[in-house]
Every structure is written in structure tokens, then in C-alpha cells.
Amino acid sequence: MVKSCLLTGSFFCAVFPAHTQTAPVDKQVNQQVQTWFSINSTMHFSDRWGLIADFHVRRNNFLSDPSFYFVRAGANYWIRDKFTVAGGYAHLWLAPNNPGWKSYVNEHRLYQQALLTTQVDRTGLLIRFRNEQRWQQLMANDRPTGEWRFTNRVRYLISFSFPLSRSSNKWALVAADEVLLNFGNDVLYNTFDQNRIFIGLRNKMSKNWSYDIGYMNVYQQRIAGYLYDMNHTFRWFFYYSPDFRKSKAQPRQLIDSREE
């Protein structure tokens, strides 16, 4: 009799698990203010080949706390004057989120991208598709575990620029949106990684130098699935686009819109 009761109880526990095991976790959104600075370069060495290189610094609580440091480099190839493909390597040092932890998390990244620029009337349009393979270091008790989390991330960016004057392209209004999605065996709860919306002003300082400055909203889902970051970000990016070709008979528009 006791054995039958135990078996019956085990059956009902298996078929109808306890409510606490299946209860959903409430969504939590962490609001924070950030600053994001970078210098981005596109260097032209021949009619088809060039080099791209970026350096980024992002800080939390406006300027008080580190968020990450990031470097990227790669080869750039012009298929057409306004269509390029690129590929290369990047490295990120991510500041710890846990209170009391001091060790930065390393991330190795390979990337491939295709980028198209065009113009409709006086409005500039940029479309970029980027694919990234990311190896993120796993930590425990503020120490590396020796294990890595691998994900493949797909990014789609569309950006518009509207000149503020008909007589000059020195100043322009910029509006952009980028969606980032994760894929891979290690992705359980956050296929959606983040969305970035930017609006600001672009200034062309000289032939080779320009910058954009403005507000970026970064809405990101973290690995746990129920945790989200809403980052209100002051962004200031500089762009350096030198042309080292000996013959510049066919000038090309150099790309100056990249971010981490």
C-alpha cells in the first residue's frame, strides 16, 4: 500500500511538476547612463584594397565606471565604388558586473561584413550586414574558468544622413538603427541580443576627418533572458579616412560608419 502511494505520488510529481518549477521570472530592466567614445579609420591603399581599424571606450554611470575597451582591424575591399566587403579580427575587454569583482572578461571575435552606400536626392543611405563569431571568456569567483562561450551574431544596420544646408555638406543630421541577433548551441534565452537607435549630428572637419555626436539608445537582453539593460548613451565617434593611393583619378566615398 505504501509502495503504491509512493509510486502514485511520483507519477503525479512527474506529470504535474510543482508550480515553483515552472513559474516565469519577472522581466527586469536596468536603466543606466553611458558615454561612448571611439576613433574609426578607413585607409585606402589601392583602387581595390584598404584597411579599417577602430578603437572604442565605453563607460557606465556617464563617466564614473568602465564598461568596455574594444579594438578592431581588418581588410577592406571595394567591389564597386559604393559597395565594399571586409573581414578581420576584434578584441573586447569587458568590465565586471558583479560587485567586488575586478577581472575583465576577454572576448575574441572574427567578423565579415558587406556595406552599401548610396544617395537618394540629397539624403545619404548606408546599409551594412555584419556576421561575427564570438568567443567569450567564462568567469567564476572573479577568475577565468578556462571555458569559453561561442556565439554567432548577425547584425543589420541602416543609417540615414540629411544635409542641413543646400550649399554645404559640412553638417548633417544622422539617424540610424541596428538590430543584433545571436545564434548557436550556447544561446538559450537571448536570441535577441540588442537594438541600437542613434540620432545626432555629423560634422566634416576636413578632407580626412569627421565626427558624429548625439544620443544612442541601447536596449540589450542579457544571457539570463529576463534581465535587460536600457542604456541611455552619449556617443561621440571620430572618423579618419586617408587616401594613400598614388593616383586618385577615381575618388571614392570612404566609409565612416562603424561601431562595436
C-alpha atoms as a PDB file:
ATOM      1  CA  MET A   1       0.000   0.000   0.000  1.00  0.00           C
ATOM      2  CA  VAL A   2       2.752   2.424   0.966  1.00  0.00           C
ATOM      3  CA  LYS A   3       4.690   1.459  -2.135  1.00  0.00           C
ATOM      4  CA  SER A   4       1.635   2.088  -4.309  1.00  0.00           C
ATOM      5  CA  CYS A   5       1.129   5.519  -2.750  1.00  0.00           C
ATOM      6  CA  LEU A   6       4.765   6.412  -3.342  1.00  0.00           C
ATOM      7  CA  LEU A   7       4.592   5.336  -6.977  1.00  0.00           C
ATOM      8  CA  THR A   8       1.350   7.256  -7.483  1.00  0.00           C
ATOM      9  CA  GLY A   9       2.859  10.351  -5.879  1.00  0.00           C
ATOM     10  CA  SER A  10       5.990  10.098  -8.025  1.00  0.00           C
ATOM     11  CA  PHE A  11       3.822   9.806 -11.154  1.00  0.00           C
ATOM     12  CA  PHE A  12       1.814  12.936 -10.356  1.00  0.00           C
ATOM     13  CA  CYS A  13       5.007  14.868  -9.487  1.00  0.00           C
ATOM     14  CA  ALA A  14       6.482  13.936 -12.856  1.00  0.00           C
ATOM     15  CA  VAL A  15       3.344  14.748 -14.863  1.00  0.00           C
ATOM     16  CA  PHE A  16       2.295  17.823 -12.854  1.00  0.00           C
ATOM     17  CA  PRO A  17       5.518  19.472 -11.603  1.00  0.00           C
ATOM     18  CA  ALA A  18       5.366  21.953  -8.765  1.00  0.00           C
ATOM     19  CA  HIS A  19       4.294  25.480  -9.631  1.00  0.00           C
ATOM     20  CA  THR A  20       7.572  26.899  -8.369  1.00  0.00           C
ATOM     21  CA  GLN A  21       9.482  24.951 -11.006  1.00  0.00           C
ATOM     22  CA  THR A  22       7.601  26.470 -13.938  1.00  0.00           C
ATOM     23  CA  ALA A  23       6.724  29.924 -12.636  1.00  0.00           C
ATOM     24  CA  PRO A  24       8.085  32.579 -15.028  1.00  0.00           C
ATOM     25  CA  VAL A  25      10.670  35.027 -13.768  1.00  0.00           C
ATOM     26  CA  ASP A  26       9.596  38.668 -13.924  1.00  0.00           C
ATOM     27  CA  LYS A  27      11.313  40.801 -16.529  1.00  0.00           C
ATOM     28  CA  GLN A  28      13.833  43.228 -15.049  1.00  0.00           C
ATOM     29  CA  VAL A  29      15.139  46.298 -16.890  1.00  0.00           C
ATOM     30  CA  ASN A  30      18.262  48.056 -15.647  1.00  0.00           C
ATOM     31  CA  GLN A  31      18.349  51.746 -16.591  1.00  0.00           C
ATOM     32  CA  GLN A  32      21.800  53.315 -16.880  1.00  0.00           C
ATOM     33  CA  VAL A  33      23.604  56.260 -18.443  1.00  0.00           C
ATOM     34  CA  GLN A  34      26.724  55.714 -20.560  1.00  0.00           C
ATOM     35  CA  THR A  35      29.291  57.542 -22.634  1.00  0.00           C
ATOM     36  CA  TRP A  36      30.851  56.008 -25.737  1.00  0.00           C
ATOM     37  CA  PHE A  37      33.926  57.422 -27.493  1.00  0.00           C
ATOM     38  CA  SER A  38      35.741  55.978 -30.483  1.00  0.00           C
ATOM     39  CA  ILE A  39      38.083  56.663 -33.354  1.00  0.00           C
ATOM     40  CA  ASN A  40      37.360  54.794 -36.607  1.00  0.00           C
ATOM     41  CA  SER A  41      39.586  54.732 -39.674  1.00  0.00           C
ATOM     42  CA  THR A  42      39.277  53.598 -43.283  1.00  0.00           C
ATOM     43  CA  MET A  43      42.602  53.747 -45.117  1.00  0.00           C
ATOM     44  CA  HIS A  44      42.760  53.436 -48.903  1.00  0.00           C
ATOM     45  CA  PHE A  45      45.976  51.905 -50.319  1.00  0.00           C
ATOM     46  CA  SER A  46      44.979  50.861 -53.851  1.00  0.00           C
ATOM     47  CA  ASP A  47      41.971  51.046 -56.148  1.00  0.00           C
ATOM     48  CA  ARG A  48      40.508  47.945 -54.502  1.00  0.00           C
ATOM     49  CA  TRP A  49      42.220  47.393 -51.157  1.00  0.00           C
ATOM     50  CA  GLY A  50      42.272  49.238 -47.869  1.00  0.00           C
ATOM     51  CA  LEU A  51      42.487  48.788 -44.115  1.00  0.00           C
ATOM     52  CA  ILE A  52      39.915  49.525 -41.435  1.00  0.00           C
ATOM     53  CA  ALA A  53      40.764  49.960 -37.743  1.00  0.00           C
ATOM     54  CA  ASP A  54      38.704  51.085 -34.721  1.00  0.00           C
ATOM     55  CA  PHE A  55      39.302  51.817 -31.041  1.00  0.00           C
ATOM     56  CA  HIS A  56      36.364  52.208 -28.622  1.00  0.00           C
ATOM     57  CA  VAL A  57      35.891  53.158 -24.973  1.00  0.00           C
ATOM     58  CA  ARG A  58      32.501  52.910 -23.269  1.00  0.00           C
ATOM     59  CA  ARG A  59      31.822  53.898 -19.653  1.00  0.00           C
ATOM     60  CA  ASN A  60      28.868  53.415 -17.297  1.00  0.00           C
ATOM     61  CA  ASN A  61      27.249  55.938 -14.963  1.00  0.00           C
ATOM     62  CA  PHE A  62      28.183  58.580 -17.514  1.00  0.00           C
ATOM     63  CA  LEU A  63      31.970  58.637 -16.930  1.00  0.00           C
ATOM     64  CA  SER A  64      32.366  57.055 -13.492  1.00  0.00           C
ATOM     65  CA  ASP A  65      32.785  53.324 -14.224  1.00  0.00           C
ATOM     66  CA  PRO A  66      34.329  51.302 -17.059  1.00  0.00           C
ATOM     67  CA  SER A  67      32.105  49.300 -19.410  1.00  0.00           C
ATOM     68  CA  PHE A  68      34.485  48.009 -22.086  1.00  0.00           C
ATOM     69  CA  TYR A  69      37.542  48.674 -24.242  1.00  0.00           C
ATOM     70  CA  PHE A  70      37.460  47.431 -27.814  1.00  0.00           C
ATOM     71  CA  VAL A  71      39.817  47.259 -30.811  1.00  0.00           C
ATOM     72  CA  ARG A  72      39.108  46.020 -34.325  1.00  0.00           C
ATOM     73  CA  ALA A  73      41.125  45.736 -37.541  1.00  0.00           C
ATOM     74  CA  GLY A  74      40.524  44.209 -40.931  1.00  0.00           C
ATOM     75  CA  ALA A  75      40.993  44.303 -44.676  1.00  0.00           C
ATOM     76  CA  ASN A  76      38.536  46.259 -46.813  1.00  0.00           C
ATOM     77  CA  TYR A  77      37.832  45.504 -50.487  1.00  0.00           C
ATOM     78  CA  TRP A  78      35.936  47.788 -52.890  1.00  0.00           C
ATOM     79  CA  ILE A  79      33.798  45.681 -55.237  1.00  0.00           C
ATOM     80  CA  ARG A  80      32.189  48.849 -56.582  1.00  0.00           C
ATOM     81  CA  ASP A  81      32.722  52.486 -55.683  1.00  0.00           C
ATOM     82  CA  LYS A  82      29.892  52.323 -53.131  1.00  0.00           C
ATOM     83  CA  PHE A  83      29.899  48.624 -52.240  1.00  0.00           C
ATOM     84  CA  THR A  84      32.568  47.043 -50.029  1.00  0.00           C
ATOM     85  CA  VAL A  85      33.247  43.800 -48.232  1.00  0.00           C
ATOM     86  CA  ALA A  86      35.558  43.432 -45.241  1.00  0.00           C
ATOM     87  CA  GLY A  87      36.791  40.898 -42.721  1.00  0.00           C
ATOM     88  CA  GLY A  88      39.103  40.815 -39.744  1.00  0.00           C
ATOM     89  CA  TYR A  89      39.651  40.354 -36.020  1.00  0.00           C
ATOM     90  CA  ALA A  90      38.499  42.236 -32.926  1.00  0.00           C
ATOM     91  CA  HIS A  91      39.144  42.020 -29.182  1.00  0.00           C
ATOM     92  CA  LEU A  92      36.990  43.260 -26.312  1.00  0.00           C
ATOM     93  CA  TRP A  93      37.831  43.749 -22.630  1.00  0.00           C
ATOM     94  CA  LEU A  94      34.543  43.793 -20.685  1.00  0.00           C
ATOM     95  CA  ALA A  95      34.473  45.248 -17.173  1.00  0.00           C
ATOM     96  CA  PRO A  96      32.938  43.001 -14.475  1.00  0.00           C
ATOM     97  CA  ASN A  97      29.290  43.487 -13.475  1.00  0.00           C
ATOM     98  CA  ASN A  98      29.435  41.605 -10.171  1.00  0.00           C
ATOM     99  CA  PRO A  99      30.113  43.750  -7.063  1.00  0.00           C
ATOM    100  CA  GLY A 100      33.646  43.245  -5.791  1.00  0.00           C
ATOM    101  CA  TRP A 101      34.952  41.586  -8.946  1.00  0.00           C
ATOM    102  CA  LYS A 102      37.960  43.176 -10.643  1.00  0.00           C
ATOM    103  CA  SER A 103      38.883  40.878 -13.546  1.00  0.00           C
ATOM    104  CA  TYR A 104      37.992  41.906 -17.083  1.00  0.00           C
ATOM    105  CA  VAL A 105      36.358  39.365 -19.401  1.00  0.00           C
ATOM    106  CA  ASN A 106      38.172  38.796 -22.697  1.00  0.00           C
ATOM    107  CA  GLU A 107      36.353  38.277 -25.968  1.00  0.00           C
ATOM    108  CA  HIS A 108      37.927  37.176 -29.256  1.00  0.00           C
ATOM    109  CA  ARG A 109      35.944  37.991 -32.354  1.00  0.00           C
ATOM    110  CA  LEU A 110      36.138  37.315 -36.098  1.00  0.00           C
ATOM    111  CA  TYR A 111      33.872  39.271 -38.394  1.00  0.00           C
ATOM    112  CA  GLN A 112      32.766  39.590 -42.017  1.00  0.00           C
ATOM    113  CA  GLN A 113      30.685  42.397 -43.439  1.00  0.00           C
ATOM    114  CA  ALA A 114      29.158  43.845 -46.600  1.00  0.00           C
ATOM    115  CA  LEU A 115      28.378  47.544 -46.825  1.00  0.00           C
ATOM    116  CA  LEU A 116      26.471  49.608 -49.361  1.00  0.00           C
ATOM    117  CA  THR A 117      26.303  53.397 -49.544  1.00  0.00           C
ATOM    118  CA  THR A 118      24.070  55.330 -51.890  1.00  0.00           C
ATOM    119  CA  GLN A 119      22.219  58.609 -52.154  1.00  0.00           C
ATOM    120  CA  VAL A 120      18.554  59.422 -52.782  1.00  0.00           C
ATOM    121  CA  ASP A 121      18.262  63.047 -53.803  1.00  0.00           C
ATOM    122  CA  ARG A 122      20.392  64.694 -51.080  1.00  0.00           C
ATOM    123  CA  THR A 123      19.798  62.011 -48.450  1.00  0.00           C
ATOM    124  CA  GLY A 124      22.659  59.611 -47.802  1.00  0.00           C
ATOM    125  CA  LEU A 125      21.804  55.956 -47.152  1.00  0.00           C
ATOM    126  CA  LEU A 126      24.101  53.327 -45.622  1.00  0.00           C
ATOM    127  CA  ILE A 127      23.184  49.643 -45.258  1.00  0.00           C
ATOM    128  CA  ARG A 128      25.509  47.195 -43.521  1.00  0.00           C
ATOM    129  CA  PHE A 129      25.263  43.468 -42.876  1.00  0.00           C
ATOM    130  CA  ARG A 130      27.816  42.033 -40.454  1.00  0.00           C
ATOM    131  CA  ASN A 131      28.392  38.472 -39.218  1.00  0.00           C
ATOM    132  CA  GLU A 132      30.513  37.833 -36.107  1.00  0.00           C
ATOM    133  CA  GLN A 133      31.950  34.730 -34.468  1.00  0.00           C
ATOM    134  CA  ARG A 134      32.480  35.483 -30.757  1.00  0.00           C
ATOM    135  CA  TRP A 135      34.418  33.550 -28.099  1.00  0.00           C
ATOM    136  CA  GLN A 136      33.557  34.995 -24.662  1.00  0.00           C
ATOM    137  CA  GLN A 137      35.576  34.033 -21.606  1.00  0.00           C
ATOM    138  CA  LEU A 138      33.610  32.397 -18.759  1.00  0.00           C
ATOM    139  CA  MET A 139      34.393  33.540 -15.209  1.00  0.00           C
ATOM    140  CA  ALA A 140      33.773  32.131 -11.710  1.00  0.00           C
ATOM    141  CA  ASN A 141      34.663  33.841  -8.449  1.00  0.00           C
ATOM    142  CA  ASP A 142      36.462  36.601 -10.357  1.00  0.00           C
ATOM    143  CA  ARG A 143      38.726  34.092 -12.109  1.00  0.00           C
ATOM    144  CA  PRO A 144      38.734  32.596 -15.633  1.00  0.00           C
ATOM    145  CA  THR A 145      37.343  29.044 -15.728  1.00  0.00           C
ATOM    146  CA  GLY A 146      39.283  28.093 -18.858  1.00  0.00           C
ATOM    147  CA  GLU A 147      35.998  27.696 -20.754  1.00  0.00           C
ATOM    148  CA  TRP A 148      34.545  29.886 -23.493  1.00  0.00           C
ATOM    149  CA  ARG A 149      31.020  30.650 -24.717  1.00  0.00           C
ATOM    150  CA  PHE A 150      30.748  30.636 -28.508  1.00  0.00           C
ATOM    151  CA  THR A 151      28.029  32.501 -30.356  1.00  0.00           C
ATOM    152  CA  ASN A 152      27.438  33.652 -33.895  1.00  0.00           C
ATOM    153  CA  ARG A 153      25.947  37.148 -34.045  1.00  0.00           C
ATOM    154  CA  VAL A 154      24.230  38.703 -37.061  1.00  0.00           C
ATOM    155  CA  ARG A 155      23.902  42.491 -37.286  1.00  0.00           C
ATOM    156  CA  TYR A 156      21.875  44.668 -39.654  1.00  0.00           C
ATOM    157  CA  LEU A 157      22.387  48.440 -39.722  1.00  0.00           C
ATOM    158  CA  ILE A 158      20.564  51.099 -41.712  1.00  0.00           C
ATOM    159  CA  SER A 159      21.638  54.744 -41.450  1.00  0.00           C
ATOM    160  CA  PHE A 160      20.362  57.977 -42.998  1.00  0.00           C
ATOM    161  CA  SER A 161      22.119  61.338 -43.231  1.00  0.00           C
ATOM    162  CA  PHE A 162      20.320  64.574 -44.111  1.00  0.00           C
ATOM    163  CA  PRO A 163      22.482  67.620 -45.005  1.00  0.00           C
ATOM    164  CA  LEU A 164      21.401  70.694 -43.067  1.00  0.00           C
ATOM    165  CA  SER A 165      22.380  73.107 -45.826  1.00  0.00           C
ATOM    166  CA  ARG A 166      21.930  73.020 -49.588  1.00  0.00           C
ATOM    167  CA  SER A 167      25.165  74.914 -50.131  1.00  0.00           C
ATOM    168  CA  SER A 168      27.381  72.745 -47.886  1.00  0.00           C
ATOM    169  CA  ASN A 169      27.676  69.164 -46.666  1.00  0.00           C
ATOM    170  CA  LYS A 170      29.654  70.132 -43.583  1.00  0.00           C
ATOM    171  CA  TRP A 171      26.769  69.469 -41.175  1.00  0.00           C
ATOM    172  CA  ALA A 172      24.206  66.674 -41.433  1.00  0.00           C
ATOM    173  CA  LEU A 173      21.517  65.120 -39.295  1.00  0.00           C
ATOM    174  CA  VAL A 174      22.134  61.379 -38.790  1.00  0.00           C
ATOM    175  CA  ALA A 175      19.544  58.749 -37.820  1.00  0.00           C
ATOM    176  CA  ALA A 176      20.363  55.038 -37.606  1.00  0.00           C
ATOM    177  CA  ASP A 177      19.056  51.742 -36.263  1.00  0.00           C
ATOM    178  CA  GLU A 178      20.876  48.432 -35.814  1.00  0.00           C
ATOM    179  CA  VAL A 179      19.437  45.047 -34.808  1.00  0.00           C
ATOM    180  CA  LEU A 180      21.725  42.306 -33.405  1.00  0.00           C
ATOM    181  CA  LEU A 181      20.721  38.620 -33.124  1.00  0.00           C
ATOM    182  CA  ASN A 182      22.555  35.667 -31.519  1.00  0.00           C
ATOM    183  CA  PHE A 183      22.709  32.086 -32.810  1.00  0.00           C
ATOM    184  CA  GLY A 184      24.485  28.929 -31.603  1.00  0.00           C
ATOM    185  CA  ASN A 185      24.252  25.976 -29.222  1.00  0.00           C
ATOM    186  CA  ASP A 186      25.155  28.172 -26.250  1.00  0.00           C
ATOM    187  CA  VAL A 187      22.288  30.601 -26.946  1.00  0.00           C
ATOM    188  CA  LEU A 188      19.328  29.581 -24.774  1.00  0.00           C
ATOM    189  CA  TYR A 189      17.346  32.677 -23.799  1.00  0.00           C
ATOM    190  CA  ASN A 190      18.713  35.649 -25.738  1.00  0.00           C
ATOM    191  CA  THR A 191      18.471  35.082 -29.482  1.00  0.00           C
ATOM    192  CA  PHE A 192      17.602  38.772 -29.485  1.00  0.00           C
ATOM    193  CA  ASP A 193      20.830  40.438 -28.368  1.00  0.00           C
ATOM    194  CA  GLN A 194      20.177  44.155 -28.655  1.00  0.00           C
ATOM    195  CA  ASN A 195      18.813  47.070 -30.642  1.00  0.00           C
ATOM    196  CA  ARG A 196      20.660  50.372 -31.099  1.00  0.00           C
ATOM    197  CA  ILE A 197      18.990  53.598 -32.167  1.00  0.00           C
ATOM    198  CA  PHE A 198      21.129  56.671 -32.802  1.00  0.00           C
ATOM    199  CA  ILE A 199      20.243  60.249 -33.645  1.00  0.00           C
ATOM    200  CA  GLY A 200      22.770  63.047 -33.811  1.00  0.00           C
ATOM    201  CA  LEU A 201      24.780  65.475 -35.896  1.00  0.00           C
ATOM    202  CA  ARG A 202      27.708  64.808 -38.215  1.00  0.00           C
ATOM    203  CA  ASN A 203      30.400  67.382 -38.893  1.00  0.00           C
ATOM    204  CA  LYS A 204      33.003  67.164 -41.656  1.00  0.00           C
ATOM    205  CA  MET A 205      36.032  68.908 -40.168  1.00  0.00           C
ATOM    206  CA  SER A 206      38.406  68.403 -43.105  1.00  0.00           C
ATOM    207  CA  LYS A 207      39.030  66.182 -46.110  1.00  0.00           C
ATOM    208  CA  ASN A 208      40.075  63.240 -43.933  1.00  0.00           C
ATOM    209  CA  TRP A 209      38.421  63.936 -40.559  1.00  0.00           C
ATOM    210  CA  SER A 210      34.797  63.993 -39.403  1.00  0.00           C
ATOM    211  CA  TYR A 211      32.775  63.122 -36.332  1.00  0.00           C
ATOM    212  CA  ASP A 212      29.243  62.434 -35.222  1.00  0.00           C
ATOM    213  CA  ILE A 213      27.820  63.285 -31.819  1.00  0.00           C
ATOM    214  CA  GLY A 214      24.434  62.521 -30.324  1.00  0.00           C
ATOM    215  CA  TYR A 215      22.205  60.149 -28.370  1.00  0.00           C
ATOM    216  CA  MET A 216      22.184  56.361 -28.694  1.00  0.00           C
ATOM    217  CA  ASN A 217      19.635  54.091 -27.017  1.00  0.00           C
ATOM    218  CA  VAL A 218      20.966  50.564 -26.486  1.00  0.00           C
ATOM    219  CA  TYR A 219      18.319  48.030 -25.404  1.00  0.00           C
ATOM    220  CA  GLN A 220      20.040  44.708 -24.667  1.00  0.00           C
ATOM    221  CA  GLN A 221      18.841  41.329 -23.423  1.00  0.00           C
ATOM    222  CA  ARG A 222      21.351  39.568 -21.181  1.00  0.00           C
ATOM    223  CA  ILE A 223      22.201  35.853 -21.138  1.00  0.00           C
ATOM    224  CA  ALA A 224      19.701  35.002 -18.358  1.00  0.00           C
ATOM    225  CA  GLY A 225      16.823  36.039 -20.610  1.00  0.00           C
ATOM    226  CA  TYR A 226      14.750  38.009 -18.080  1.00  0.00           C
ATOM    227  CA  LEU A 227      17.422  40.703 -17.496  1.00  0.00           C
ATOM    228  CA  TYR A 228      17.594  43.696 -19.842  1.00  0.00           C
ATOM    229  CA  ASP A 229      19.763  46.814 -19.995  1.00  0.00           C
ATOM    230  CA  MET A 230      18.344  50.122 -21.183  1.00  0.00           C
ATOM    231  CA  ASN A 231      21.434  52.221 -21.842  1.00  0.00           C
ATOM    232  CA  HIS A 232      20.984  55.940 -22.471  1.00  0.00           C
ATOM    233  CA  THR A 233      24.256  56.693 -24.206  1.00  0.00           C
ATOM    234  CA  PHE A 234      26.057  59.892 -25.119  1.00  0.00           C
ATOM    235  CA  ARG A 235      28.035  58.926 -28.252  1.00  0.00           C
ATOM    236  CA  TRP A 236      30.934  60.803 -29.834  1.00  0.00           C
ATOM    237  CA  PHE A 237      32.688  58.999 -32.712  1.00  0.00           C
ATOM    238  CA  PHE A 238      35.592  60.355 -34.767  1.00  0.00           C
ATOM    239  CA  TYR A 239      36.371  59.149 -38.307  1.00  0.00           C
ATOM    240  CA  TYR A 240      39.725  59.272 -40.114  1.00  0.00           C
ATOM    241  CA  SER A 241      39.667  58.415 -43.828  1.00  0.00           C
ATOM    242  CA  PRO A 242      43.023  58.994 -45.563  1.00  0.00           C
ATOM    243  CA  ASP A 243      43.652  58.032 -49.171  1.00  0.00           C
ATOM    244  CA  PHE A 244      47.223  56.818 -49.746  1.00  0.00           C
ATOM    245  CA  ARG A 245      46.813  55.901 -53.409  1.00  0.00           C
ATOM    246  CA  LYS A 246      49.371  57.470 -55.730  1.00  0.00           C
ATOM    247  CA  SER A 247      46.707  58.021 -58.378  1.00  0.00           C
ATOM    248  CA  LYS A 248      43.365  59.404 -57.205  1.00  0.00           C
ATOM    249  CA  ALA A 249      41.783  59.801 -60.631  1.00  0.00           C
ATOM    250  CA  GLN A 250      38.745  57.829 -59.383  1.00  0.00           C
ATOM    251  CA  PRO A 251      37.904  59.230 -55.955  1.00  0.00           C
ATOM    252  CA  ARG A 252      35.675  57.054 -53.825  1.00  0.00           C
ATOM    253  CA  GLN A 253      33.477  57.746 -50.863  1.00  0.00           C
ATOM    254  CA  LEU A 254      35.234  56.262 -47.841  1.00  0.00           C
ATOM    255  CA  ILE A 255      33.057  54.506 -45.315  1.00  0.00           C
ATOM    256  CA  ASP A 256      32.901  56.137 -41.896  1.00  0.00           C
ATOM    257  CA  SER A 257      30.096  54.389 -40.043  1.00  0.00           C
ATOM    258  CA  ARG A 258      31.188  51.536 -37.810  1.00  0.00           C
ATOM    259  CA  GLU A 259      30.659  50.791 -34.173  1.00  0.00           C
ATOM    260  CA  GLU A 260      31.195  47.956 -31.739  1.00  0.00           C
END
